[in-house]
Amino acid sequence: MGTIYYGGSAMPIHIEDRALAHLKVVIATKLRRDESFTVSWTHPDDQPRGRSTIWLHPSIPLRFVFDDPEPTEISREWIEDLANSASSTGGILLVAEHFDTGPIPVPAGAEAALEGLDVSLGKVDVDTLDVDRLTVGGEDVTAKDITP
């Protein structure tokens, strides 16, 4: 869980490291251009229910702290989504990352049940995608079946 320290506020803002890395790229770009904007987010489950918004301005001190010492891989699509919202009148709304799974390989034996169908999850909004069991055409799909 990463942290943003903004201005003289004694209240740190906790955001998951991967989301914070993407947010940092967009915030740094906007502030480098001397642009002010808002950032909004819903409170995590361990905090009182609600949402918060802060006004970001180039003259206000800002520090990003990451728990993970290694930088995360950046998603161009997520950066573009956040940058587009930063330029809107509502400012950045911190949303979950989008994953486009593309076509899902079908294990041998299941082709007949799925003949003519294009099997994909499409665009999925998730914080974490964890699949314990996937059944296609009545047959269990294992990791070895979908690994290229």
C-alpha atoms as a PDB file:
ATOM      1  CA  MET A   1       0.000   0.000   0.000  1.00  0.00           C
ATOM      2  CA  GLY A   2       1.579   3.271  -1.124  1.00  0.00           C
ATOM      3  CA  THR A   3       1.071   6.675   0.461  1.00  0.00           C
ATOM      4  CA  ILE A   4       0.652  10.236  -0.776  1.00  0.00           C
ATOM      5  CA  TYR A   5       1.672  13.063   1.551  1.00  0.00           C
ATOM      6  CA  TYR A   6       0.072  16.253   0.299  1.00  0.00           C
ATOM      7  CA  GLY A   7       0.750  19.735   1.619  1.00  0.00           C
ATOM      8  CA  GLY A   8       0.898  20.183   5.380  1.00  0.00           C
ATOM      9  CA  SER A   9      -1.765  17.560   5.960  1.00  0.00           C
ATOM     10  CA  ALA A  10      -0.928  15.177   8.756  1.00  0.00           C
ATOM     11  CA  MET A  11      -3.362  12.671   7.202  1.00  0.00           C
ATOM     12  CA  PRO A  12      -1.570  10.411   4.687  1.00  0.00           C
ATOM     13  CA  ILE A  13      -3.538   9.108   1.706  1.00  0.00           C
ATOM     14  CA  HIS A  14      -3.112   5.359   1.235  1.00  0.00           C
ATOM     15  CA  ILE A  15      -3.388   3.956  -2.288  1.00  0.00           C
ATOM     16  CA  GLU A  16      -2.342   0.548  -3.611  1.00  0.00           C
ATOM     17  CA  ASP A  17       1.209   0.709  -5.079  1.00  0.00           C
ATOM     18  CA  ARG A  18       0.243  -0.140  -8.680  1.00  0.00           C
ATOM     19  CA  ALA A  19      -2.545   2.442  -8.749  1.00  0.00           C
ATOM     20  CA  LEU A  20      -0.256   5.011  -7.111  1.00  0.00           C
ATOM     21  CA  ALA A  21       2.447   4.447  -9.740  1.00  0.00           C
ATOM     22  CA  HIS A  22      -0.038   5.227 -12.512  1.00  0.00           C
ATOM     23  CA  LEU A  23      -1.490   8.178 -10.647  1.00  0.00           C
ATOM     24  CA  LYS A  24       2.031   9.567 -10.079  1.00  0.00           C
ATOM     25  CA  VAL A  25       2.755   9.603 -13.824  1.00  0.00           C
ATOM     26  CA  VAL A  26      -0.409  11.575 -14.593  1.00  0.00           C
ATOM     27  CA  ILE A  27      -0.032  13.944 -11.630  1.00  0.00           C
ATOM     28  CA  ALA A  28       3.621  14.690 -12.442  1.00  0.00           C
ATOM     29  CA  THR A  29       2.752  15.384 -16.076  1.00  0.00           C
ATOM     30  CA  LYS A  30      -0.070  17.783 -15.166  1.00  0.00           C
ATOM     31  CA  LEU A  31       1.913  19.611 -12.479  1.00  0.00           C
ATOM     32  CA  ARG A  32       4.967  19.913 -14.774  1.00  0.00           C
ATOM     33  CA  ARG A  33       2.661  21.839 -17.144  1.00  0.00           C
ATOM     34  CA  ASP A  34       1.574  24.099 -14.247  1.00  0.00           C
ATOM     35  CA  GLU A  35      -1.963  22.671 -14.405  1.00  0.00           C
ATOM     36  CA  SER A  36      -4.162  22.398 -11.313  1.00  0.00           C
ATOM     37  CA  PHE A  37      -6.854  19.725 -10.996  1.00  0.00           C
ATOM     38  CA  THR A  38      -8.653  17.466  -8.516  1.00  0.00           C
ATOM     39  CA  VAL A  39      -8.137  13.815  -7.617  1.00  0.00           C
ATOM     40  CA  SER A  40     -11.037  11.836  -6.153  1.00  0.00           C
ATOM     41  CA  TRP A  41     -11.262   8.306  -4.774  1.00  0.00           C
ATOM     42  CA  THR A  42     -13.596   6.134  -2.749  1.00  0.00           C
ATOM     43  CA  HIS A  43     -12.403   5.207   0.717  1.00  0.00           C
ATOM     44  CA  PRO A  44     -10.914   1.725   1.178  1.00  0.00           C
ATOM     45  CA  ASP A  45     -12.895  -0.837   3.165  1.00  0.00           C
ATOM     46  CA  ASP A  46     -10.790  -0.258   6.310  1.00  0.00           C
ATOM     47  CA  GLN A  47     -11.809   3.447   6.449  1.00  0.00           C
ATOM     48  CA  PRO A  48     -15.169   5.096   7.133  1.00  0.00           C
ATOM     49  CA  ARG A  49     -17.495   4.822   4.128  1.00  0.00           C
ATOM     50  CA  GLY A  50     -17.332   7.688   1.626  1.00  0.00           C
ATOM     51  CA  ARG A  51     -15.065   9.412  -0.842  1.00  0.00           C
ATOM     52  CA  SER A  52     -12.506  12.195  -0.821  1.00  0.00           C
ATOM     53  CA  THR A  53     -11.240  14.823  -3.237  1.00  0.00           C
ATOM     54  CA  ILE A  54      -8.073  16.907  -3.084  1.00  0.00           C
ATOM     55  CA  TRP A  55      -7.098  19.931  -5.181  1.00  0.00           C
ATOM     56  CA  LEU A  56      -3.620  19.531  -6.656  1.00  0.00           C
ATOM     57  CA  HIS A  57      -1.616  22.651  -7.413  1.00  0.00           C
ATOM     58  CA  PRO A  58       2.062  22.924  -8.480  1.00  0.00           C
ATOM     59  CA  SER A  59       2.935  25.097  -5.464  1.00  0.00           C
ATOM     60  CA  ILE A  60       1.757  22.570  -2.850  1.00  0.00           C
ATOM     61  CA  PRO A  61       4.344  20.002  -1.654  1.00  0.00           C
ATOM     62  CA  LEU A  62       3.621  16.436  -2.702  1.00  0.00           C
ATOM     63  CA  ARG A  63       5.431  13.184  -1.911  1.00  0.00           C
ATOM     64  CA  PHE A  64       4.760   9.628  -3.112  1.00  0.00           C
ATOM     65  CA  VAL A  65       5.937   6.692  -0.982  1.00  0.00           C
ATOM     66  CA  PHE A  66       5.767   3.111  -2.283  1.00  0.00           C
ATOM     67  CA  ASP A  67       5.918  -0.019  -0.129  1.00  0.00           C
ATOM     68  CA  ASP A  68       7.378  -2.103  -2.961  1.00  0.00           C
ATOM     69  CA  PRO A  69      11.005  -1.120  -3.686  1.00  0.00           C
ATOM     70  CA  GLU A  70      10.694  -2.277  -7.326  1.00  0.00           C
ATOM     71  CA  PRO A  71       8.834  -0.060  -9.815  1.00  0.00           C
ATOM     72  CA  THR A  72       5.698  -1.569 -11.319  1.00  0.00           C
ATOM     73  CA  GLU A  73       5.091  -2.079 -15.025  1.00  0.00           C
ATOM     74  CA  ILE A  74       2.997   0.815 -16.340  1.00  0.00           C
ATOM     75  CA  SER A  75      -0.151   0.262 -18.410  1.00  0.00           C
ATOM     76  CA  ARG A  76      -0.446   2.806 -21.219  1.00  0.00           C
ATOM     77  CA  GLU A  77      -4.233   2.321 -21.355  1.00  0.00           C
ATOM     78  CA  TRP A  78      -4.681   3.025 -17.638  1.00  0.00           C
ATOM     79  CA  ILE A  79      -2.455   6.127 -17.915  1.00  0.00           C
ATOM     80  CA  GLU A  80      -4.583   7.357 -20.833  1.00  0.00           C
ATOM     81  CA  ASP A  81      -7.820   6.747 -18.870  1.00  0.00           C
ATOM     82  CA  LEU A  82      -6.487   8.684 -15.878  1.00  0.00           C
ATOM     83  CA  ALA A  83      -5.046  11.483 -18.059  1.00  0.00           C
ATOM     84  CA  ASN A  84      -8.361  11.884 -19.872  1.00  0.00           C
ATOM     85  CA  SER A  85     -10.207  12.169 -16.569  1.00  0.00           C
ATOM     86  CA  ALA A  86      -7.592  14.656 -15.302  1.00  0.00           C
ATOM     87  CA  SER A  87      -8.451  16.943 -18.211  1.00  0.00           C
ATOM     88  CA  SER A  88     -12.186  16.749 -17.523  1.00  0.00           C
ATOM     89  CA  THR A  89     -14.085  19.182 -15.316  1.00  0.00           C
ATOM     90  CA  GLY A  90     -14.425  16.468 -12.651  1.00  0.00           C
ATOM     91  CA  GLY A  91     -10.677  15.850 -12.433  1.00  0.00           C
ATOM     92  CA  ILE A  92      -9.080  12.452 -11.908  1.00  0.00           C
ATOM     93  CA  LEU A  93     -11.374   9.791 -10.570  1.00  0.00           C
ATOM     94  CA  LEU A  94      -9.155   6.946  -9.404  1.00  0.00           C
ATOM     95  CA  VAL A  95     -10.723   3.840 -10.925  1.00  0.00           C
ATOM     96  CA  ALA A  96      -9.664   0.220 -11.159  1.00  0.00           C
ATOM     97  CA  GLU A  97      -7.398  -0.863 -13.966  1.00  0.00           C
ATOM     98  CA  HIS A  98      -8.940  -2.335 -17.111  1.00  0.00           C
ATOM     99  CA  PHE A  99      -7.721  -5.677 -18.393  1.00  0.00           C
ATOM    100  CA  ASP A 100      -8.534  -6.840 -21.905  1.00  0.00           C
ATOM    101  CA  THR A 101      -8.103 -10.588 -21.853  1.00  0.00           C
ATOM    102  CA  GLY A 102      -8.524 -11.099 -25.587  1.00  0.00           C
ATOM    103  CA  PRO A 103      -9.441 -14.554 -26.842  1.00  0.00           C
ATOM    104  CA  ILE A 104      -9.178 -17.382 -24.344  1.00  0.00           C
ATOM    105  CA  PRO A 105      -7.542 -20.568 -25.689  1.00  0.00           C
ATOM    106  CA  VAL A 106      -9.871 -23.570 -25.531  1.00  0.00           C
ATOM    107  CA  PRO A 107      -8.530 -26.929 -24.286  1.00  0.00           C
ATOM    108  CA  ALA A 108      -8.573 -29.974 -26.526  1.00  0.00           C
ATOM    109  CA  GLY A 109     -11.939 -31.699 -26.416  1.00  0.00           C
ATOM    110  CA  ALA A 110     -13.920 -28.551 -25.677  1.00  0.00           C
ATOM    111  CA  GLU A 111     -13.803 -27.196 -29.240  1.00  0.00           C
ATOM    112  CA  ALA A 112     -16.962 -29.051 -30.303  1.00  0.00           C
ATOM    113  CA  ALA A 113     -19.017 -27.553 -27.467  1.00  0.00           C
ATOM    114  CA  LEU A 114     -17.825 -24.056 -28.383  1.00  0.00           C
ATOM    115  CA  GLU A 115     -17.749 -24.362 -32.162  1.00  0.00           C
ATOM    116  CA  GLY A 116     -18.561 -21.029 -33.792  1.00  0.00           C
ATOM    117  CA  LEU A 117     -18.280 -19.086 -30.534  1.00  0.00           C
ATOM    118  CA  ASP A 118     -15.655 -16.429 -29.818  1.00  0.00           C
ATOM    119  CA  VAL A 119     -14.826 -16.976 -26.153  1.00  0.00           C
ATOM    120  CA  SER A 120     -13.349 -13.954 -24.377  1.00  0.00           C
ATOM    121  CA  LEU A 121     -13.918 -11.986 -21.214  1.00  0.00           C
ATOM    122  CA  GLY A 122     -13.661  -8.689 -23.077  1.00  0.00           C
ATOM    123  CA  LYS A 123     -12.830  -5.656 -20.956  1.00  0.00           C
ATOM    124  CA  VAL A 124     -12.832  -6.431 -17.247  1.00  0.00           C
ATOM    125  CA  ASP A 125     -12.492  -3.864 -14.445  1.00  0.00           C
ATOM    126  CA  VAL A 126     -10.669  -5.490 -11.558  1.00  0.00           C
ATOM    127  CA  ASP A 127      -8.242  -4.662  -8.814  1.00  0.00           C
ATOM    128  CA  THR A 128      -7.046  -8.275  -8.709  1.00  0.00           C
ATOM    129  CA  LEU A 129      -8.023 -11.105 -11.027  1.00  0.00           C
ATOM    130  CA  ASP A 130      -7.739 -14.489  -9.359  1.00  0.00           C
ATOM    131  CA  VAL A 131      -9.411 -17.497 -10.982  1.00  0.00           C
ATOM    132  CA  ASP A 132      -9.469 -20.711  -8.950  1.00  0.00           C
ATOM    133  CA  ARG A 133     -11.523 -22.715 -11.424  1.00  0.00           C
ATOM    134  CA  LEU A 134     -12.629 -22.124 -15.006  1.00  0.00           C
ATOM    135  CA  THR A 135     -15.061 -24.451 -16.745  1.00  0.00           C
ATOM    136  CA  VAL A 136     -15.559 -24.228 -20.506  1.00  0.00           C
ATOM    137  CA  GLY A 137     -18.097 -26.449 -22.238  1.00  0.00           C
ATOM    138  CA  GLY A 138     -18.433 -28.536 -19.085  1.00  0.00           C
ATOM    139  CA  GLU A 139     -14.678 -29.223 -18.898  1.00  0.00           C
ATOM    140  CA  ASP A 140     -12.295 -27.762 -16.361  1.00  0.00           C
ATOM    141  CA  VAL A 141      -9.575 -25.560 -17.884  1.00  0.00           C
ATOM    142  CA  THR A 142      -6.219 -25.647 -16.113  1.00  0.00           C
ATOM    143  CA  ALA A 143      -3.310 -23.219 -16.269  1.00  0.00           C
ATOM    144  CA  LYS A 144      -1.394 -25.590 -18.561  1.00  0.00           C
ATOM    145  CA  ASP A 145      -4.353 -25.521 -21.003  1.00  0.00           C
ATOM    146  CA  ILE A 146      -4.218 -21.733 -21.378  1.00  0.00           C
ATOM    147  CA  THR A 147      -0.480 -21.174 -21.192  1.00  0.00           C
ATOM    148  CA  PRO A 148       0.899 -20.499 -24.703  1.00  0.00           C
END
